[in-house]
N, C-alpha and C. Protein backbone atom coordinates (compact mmCIF):
# COMPACT_ATOMS: atom_id res chain seq x y z
N MET A 1 -11.45 -8.60 35.70
CA MET A 1 -12.18 -7.76 34.78
C MET A 1 -13.47 -8.44 34.36
N GLY A 2 -14.56 -7.68 34.43
CA GLY A 2 -15.81 -8.22 33.96
C GLY A 2 -16.40 -9.27 34.89
N HIS A 3 -15.89 -9.37 36.14
CA HIS A 3 -16.43 -10.34 37.07
C HIS A 3 -17.65 -9.77 37.75
N GLU A 4 -18.53 -10.66 38.14
CA GLU A 4 -19.77 -10.25 38.78
C GLU A 4 -19.48 -9.49 40.06
N GLY A 5 -20.08 -8.33 40.23
CA GLY A 5 -19.96 -7.59 41.45
C GLY A 5 -18.75 -6.68 41.54
N ASP A 6 -17.84 -6.69 40.53
CA ASP A 6 -16.66 -5.82 40.63
C ASP A 6 -16.88 -4.46 39.98
N GLY A 7 -18.06 -4.24 39.39
CA GLY A 7 -18.39 -2.94 38.82
C GLY A 7 -17.77 -2.69 37.45
N VAL A 8 -17.07 -3.66 36.91
CA VAL A 8 -16.45 -3.51 35.60
C VAL A 8 -17.27 -4.30 34.60
N ALA A 9 -17.74 -3.62 33.59
CA ALA A 9 -18.55 -4.30 32.58
C ALA A 9 -17.67 -5.09 31.64
N GLY A 10 -18.05 -6.26 31.35
CA GLY A 10 -17.34 -7.10 30.39
C GLY A 10 -18.31 -7.50 29.31
N PRO A 11 -17.84 -8.29 28.35
CA PRO A 11 -18.75 -8.72 27.29
C PRO A 11 -19.84 -9.61 27.87
N ALA A 12 -21.02 -9.49 27.34
CA ALA A 12 -22.11 -10.34 27.78
C ALA A 12 -21.79 -11.78 27.41
N PRO A 13 -21.91 -12.68 28.37
CA PRO A 13 -21.51 -14.06 28.09
C PRO A 13 -22.34 -14.74 27.02
N ASP A 14 -23.59 -14.30 26.81
CA ASP A 14 -24.41 -14.94 25.80
C ASP A 14 -24.28 -14.30 24.43
N ARG A 15 -23.47 -13.26 24.32
CA ARG A 15 -23.26 -12.59 23.03
C ARG A 15 -22.02 -13.16 22.36
N VAL A 16 -22.16 -13.43 21.09
CA VAL A 16 -21.04 -13.93 20.29
C VAL A 16 -20.77 -12.90 19.21
N ALA A 17 -19.50 -12.61 18.98
CA ALA A 17 -19.14 -11.65 17.93
C ALA A 17 -19.68 -12.15 16.60
N PRO A 18 -20.30 -11.26 15.83
CA PRO A 18 -20.84 -11.70 14.54
C PRO A 18 -19.73 -12.12 13.59
N GLU A 19 -20.08 -13.05 12.73
CA GLU A 19 -19.13 -13.49 11.71
C GLU A 19 -18.89 -12.34 10.74
N PRO A 20 -17.63 -12.11 10.37
CA PRO A 20 -17.40 -11.06 9.37
C PRO A 20 -18.01 -11.47 8.04
N PRO A 21 -18.48 -10.50 7.26
CA PRO A 21 -19.08 -10.83 5.96
C PRO A 21 -18.04 -11.43 5.01
N ALA A 22 -18.52 -12.17 4.05
CA ALA A 22 -17.63 -12.76 3.04
C ALA A 22 -16.83 -11.65 2.37
N GLY A 23 -15.55 -11.89 2.19
CA GLY A 23 -14.70 -10.90 1.55
C GLY A 23 -14.21 -9.82 2.49
N PHE A 24 -14.52 -9.95 3.80
CA PHE A 24 -14.08 -8.97 4.78
C PHE A 24 -12.58 -9.05 4.95
N VAL A 25 -11.94 -7.89 5.00
CA VAL A 25 -10.50 -7.81 5.22
C VAL A 25 -10.30 -7.00 6.49
N SER A 26 -9.52 -7.53 7.42
CA SER A 26 -9.28 -6.85 8.68
C SER A 26 -8.33 -5.66 8.49
N CYS A 27 -8.24 -4.83 9.51
CA CYS A 27 -7.31 -3.70 9.47
C CYS A 27 -5.88 -4.20 9.29
N ASP A 28 -5.52 -5.25 10.03
CA ASP A 28 -4.15 -5.79 9.91
C ASP A 28 -3.86 -6.24 8.48
N GLN A 29 -4.82 -6.93 7.88
CA GLN A 29 -4.63 -7.40 6.50
C GLN A 29 -4.56 -6.22 5.54
N THR A 30 -5.37 -5.21 5.78
CA THR A 30 -5.37 -4.03 4.91
C THR A 30 -4.03 -3.33 4.97
N ILE A 31 -3.54 -3.06 6.16
CA ILE A 31 -2.26 -2.37 6.32
C ILE A 31 -1.12 -3.21 5.76
N GLU A 32 -1.19 -4.53 5.98
CA GLU A 32 -0.16 -5.44 5.47
C GLU A 32 -0.09 -5.41 3.94
N ARG A 33 -1.23 -5.22 3.29
CA ARG A 33 -1.29 -5.23 1.82
C ARG A 33 -1.32 -3.85 1.20
N LEU A 34 -1.18 -2.81 2.02
CA LEU A 34 -1.33 -1.44 1.53
C LEU A 34 -0.31 -1.09 0.44
N TYR A 35 0.94 -1.48 0.61
CA TYR A 35 1.96 -1.18 -0.39
C TYR A 35 1.65 -1.87 -1.71
N TYR A 36 1.20 -3.11 -1.64
CA TYR A 36 0.84 -3.84 -2.85
C TYR A 36 -0.36 -3.19 -3.52
N TYR A 37 -1.29 -2.71 -2.70
CA TYR A 37 -2.48 -2.02 -3.22
C TYR A 37 -2.05 -0.75 -3.95
N LEU A 38 -1.18 0.04 -3.33
CA LEU A 38 -0.71 1.28 -3.95
C LEU A 38 0.07 1.01 -5.23
N ASP A 39 0.79 -0.11 -5.27
CA ASP A 39 1.58 -0.45 -6.45
C ASP A 39 0.77 -1.16 -7.53
N GLY A 40 -0.50 -1.45 -7.24
CA GLY A 40 -1.33 -2.16 -8.22
C GLY A 40 -0.93 -3.60 -8.40
N GLU A 41 -0.39 -4.22 -7.35
CA GLU A 41 0.13 -5.58 -7.46
C GLU A 41 -0.78 -6.64 -6.83
N LEU A 42 -2.05 -6.32 -6.66
CA LEU A 42 -2.99 -7.28 -6.09
C LEU A 42 -3.93 -7.78 -7.17
N THR A 43 -4.52 -8.94 -6.91
CA THR A 43 -5.55 -9.44 -7.81
C THR A 43 -6.73 -8.49 -7.75
N GLU A 44 -7.59 -8.56 -8.73
CA GLU A 44 -8.78 -7.70 -8.75
C GLU A 44 -9.63 -7.92 -7.51
N GLN A 45 -9.78 -9.17 -7.09
CA GLN A 45 -10.59 -9.48 -5.91
C GLN A 45 -9.99 -8.84 -4.66
N ARG A 46 -8.67 -8.94 -4.48
CA ARG A 46 -8.01 -8.33 -3.32
C ARG A 46 -8.15 -6.81 -3.35
N ARG A 47 -8.04 -6.22 -4.53
CA ARG A 47 -8.20 -4.75 -4.65
C ARG A 47 -9.60 -4.33 -4.22
N ILE A 48 -10.59 -5.10 -4.62
CA ILE A 48 -11.97 -4.80 -4.24
C ILE A 48 -12.13 -4.90 -2.72
N GLU A 49 -11.58 -5.96 -2.13
CA GLU A 49 -11.68 -6.15 -0.68
C GLU A 49 -11.03 -4.99 0.07
N ILE A 50 -9.83 -4.60 -0.36
CA ILE A 50 -9.12 -3.50 0.30
C ILE A 50 -9.89 -2.19 0.09
N SER A 51 -10.40 -1.97 -1.11
CA SER A 51 -11.18 -0.75 -1.38
C SER A 51 -12.40 -0.66 -0.48
N ARG A 52 -13.10 -1.78 -0.33
CA ARG A 52 -14.28 -1.80 0.55
C ARG A 52 -13.88 -1.46 1.98
N HIS A 53 -12.79 -2.04 2.43
CA HIS A 53 -12.34 -1.77 3.79
C HIS A 53 -11.99 -0.30 3.95
N LEU A 54 -11.27 0.25 2.98
CA LEU A 54 -10.89 1.67 3.07
C LEU A 54 -12.11 2.58 3.04
N ASP A 55 -13.17 2.18 2.36
CA ASP A 55 -14.39 2.97 2.32
C ASP A 55 -15.05 3.06 3.69
N LEU A 56 -14.81 2.06 4.54
CA LEU A 56 -15.51 1.98 5.83
C LEU A 56 -14.64 2.27 7.04
N CYS A 57 -13.34 2.35 6.88
CA CYS A 57 -12.44 2.41 8.04
C CYS A 57 -11.60 3.69 8.02
N GLY A 58 -11.93 4.62 8.88
CA GLY A 58 -11.21 5.89 8.96
C GLY A 58 -9.72 5.75 9.23
N PRO A 59 -9.32 4.96 10.25
CA PRO A 59 -7.89 4.84 10.52
C PRO A 59 -7.10 4.26 9.33
N CYS A 60 -7.66 3.28 8.66
CA CYS A 60 -6.95 2.68 7.52
C CYS A 60 -6.90 3.62 6.33
N VAL A 61 -7.98 4.36 6.08
CA VAL A 61 -7.97 5.30 4.97
C VAL A 61 -6.98 6.43 5.28
N GLY A 62 -6.81 6.75 6.57
CA GLY A 62 -5.80 7.74 6.95
C GLY A 62 -4.40 7.24 6.65
N ALA A 63 -4.13 5.96 6.96
CA ALA A 63 -2.83 5.37 6.66
C ALA A 63 -2.60 5.33 5.15
N TYR A 64 -3.64 4.99 4.41
CA TYR A 64 -3.56 4.96 2.95
C TYR A 64 -3.22 6.34 2.41
N GLY A 65 -3.92 7.37 2.89
CA GLY A 65 -3.66 8.73 2.43
C GLY A 65 -2.25 9.19 2.74
N PHE A 66 -1.77 8.84 3.93
CA PHE A 66 -0.41 9.20 4.32
C PHE A 66 0.60 8.54 3.39
N GLU A 67 0.46 7.25 3.16
CA GLU A 67 1.41 6.53 2.30
C GLU A 67 1.36 7.05 0.88
N GLN A 68 0.17 7.37 0.40
CA GLN A 68 0.03 7.89 -0.96
C GLN A 68 0.74 9.25 -1.09
N GLU A 69 0.54 10.13 -0.12
CA GLU A 69 1.20 11.44 -0.15
C GLU A 69 2.70 11.30 0.00
N LEU A 70 3.15 10.40 0.86
CA LEU A 70 4.58 10.17 1.05
C LEU A 70 5.23 9.70 -0.26
N ARG A 71 4.57 8.81 -0.95
CA ARG A 71 5.11 8.34 -2.23
C ARG A 71 5.22 9.47 -3.25
N LYS A 72 4.20 10.33 -3.29
CA LYS A 72 4.24 11.47 -4.22
C LYS A 72 5.40 12.40 -3.86
N LEU A 73 5.55 12.67 -2.58
CA LEU A 73 6.62 13.55 -2.13
C LEU A 73 7.99 12.99 -2.49
N VAL A 74 8.19 11.72 -2.21
CA VAL A 74 9.47 11.08 -2.52
C VAL A 74 9.72 11.09 -4.02
N ALA A 75 8.70 10.77 -4.80
CA ALA A 75 8.86 10.76 -6.26
C ALA A 75 9.21 12.14 -6.81
N ASN A 76 8.59 13.17 -6.24
CA ASN A 76 8.85 14.53 -6.72
C ASN A 76 10.19 15.08 -6.25
N ARG A 77 10.61 14.71 -5.07
CA ARG A 77 11.83 15.27 -4.48
C ARG A 77 13.09 14.49 -4.81
N CYS A 78 12.94 13.25 -5.17
CA CYS A 78 14.11 12.39 -5.35
C CYS A 78 14.42 12.12 -6.81
N GLN A 79 14.27 13.11 -7.62
CA GLN A 79 14.61 12.97 -9.03
C GLN A 79 15.92 13.69 -9.29
N ASP A 80 16.86 12.95 -9.84
CA ASP A 80 18.13 13.55 -10.21
C ASP A 80 18.04 14.05 -11.64
N HIS A 81 18.56 15.24 -11.85
CA HIS A 81 18.61 15.77 -13.20
C HIS A 81 19.93 15.37 -13.82
N VAL A 82 19.87 14.73 -14.95
CA VAL A 82 21.08 14.31 -15.66
C VAL A 82 21.38 15.36 -16.71
N PRO A 83 22.58 15.92 -16.68
CA PRO A 83 22.95 16.93 -17.68
C PRO A 83 22.85 16.36 -19.10
N ASP A 84 22.44 17.21 -20.03
CA ASP A 84 22.28 16.78 -21.43
C ASP A 84 23.58 16.24 -22.01
N ALA A 85 24.70 16.85 -21.66
CA ALA A 85 26.00 16.41 -22.18
C ALA A 85 26.29 14.97 -21.76
N LEU A 86 25.99 14.64 -20.52
CA LEU A 86 26.22 13.28 -20.04
C LEU A 86 25.27 12.31 -20.75
N ARG A 87 24.03 12.70 -20.91
CA ARG A 87 23.06 11.86 -21.60
C ARG A 87 23.52 11.57 -23.03
N ASP A 88 24.05 12.60 -23.72
CA ASP A 88 24.55 12.42 -25.09
C ASP A 88 25.75 11.48 -25.12
N ARG A 89 26.66 11.63 -24.16
CA ARG A 89 27.84 10.75 -24.11
C ARG A 89 27.44 9.30 -23.91
N VAL A 90 26.49 9.07 -23.03
CA VAL A 90 26.03 7.70 -22.79
C VAL A 90 25.36 7.14 -24.03
N ALA A 91 24.54 7.94 -24.70
CA ALA A 91 23.87 7.48 -25.92
C ALA A 91 24.89 7.12 -27.00
N ARG A 92 25.94 7.97 -27.16
CA ARG A 92 26.99 7.67 -28.15
C ARG A 92 27.73 6.40 -27.78
N ALA A 93 28.05 6.23 -26.50
CA ALA A 93 28.77 5.04 -26.05
C ALA A 93 27.95 3.78 -26.32
N LEU A 94 26.65 3.85 -26.06
CA LEU A 94 25.79 2.70 -26.33
C LEU A 94 25.71 2.40 -27.82
N SER A 95 25.64 3.44 -28.65
CA SER A 95 25.61 3.24 -30.11
C SER A 95 26.89 2.59 -30.58
N GLU A 96 28.02 3.10 -30.09
CA GLU A 96 29.31 2.54 -30.47
C GLU A 96 29.44 1.10 -30.02
N GLU A 97 28.94 0.79 -28.82
CA GLU A 97 28.99 -0.58 -28.30
C GLU A 97 28.13 -1.50 -29.16
N SER A 98 26.95 -1.02 -29.56
CA SER A 98 26.06 -1.82 -30.40
C SER A 98 26.69 -2.06 -31.77
N ALA A 99 27.32 -1.02 -32.33
CA ALA A 99 27.96 -1.16 -33.64
C ALA A 99 29.13 -2.14 -33.57
N ALA A 100 29.90 -2.07 -32.50
CA ALA A 100 31.05 -2.97 -32.35
C ALA A 100 30.58 -4.41 -32.18
N ALA A 101 29.50 -4.61 -31.48
CA ALA A 101 28.97 -5.97 -31.26
C ALA A 101 28.40 -6.55 -32.56
N ALA A 102 27.91 -5.69 -33.44
CA ALA A 102 27.34 -6.13 -34.70
C ALA A 102 28.42 -6.56 -35.70
N ASP A 103 29.63 -6.07 -35.52
CA ASP A 103 30.72 -6.41 -36.47
C ASP A 103 31.27 -7.78 -36.27
């Protein structure tokens, strides 16, 4: 591949990939930290780096959007409704337990 005379273009030998700018985060790093980003568990500097990357990278912003929507769907669909009677029984039991422990 990329050998002289084989008709396949390869990288120019005198070209060197530019250095990434300071604070640059790769796609791999962005995807690896996406859950922490969504959970707000990154330092401010890391959040800024990921935000910048998402502003410039279509595939990563697509992954971000998918994960964000999936979380909303799961949060909305996976809520159990606790009957009021059960909630009252648990509250009474906790009150009684607290009163007994205080004696």
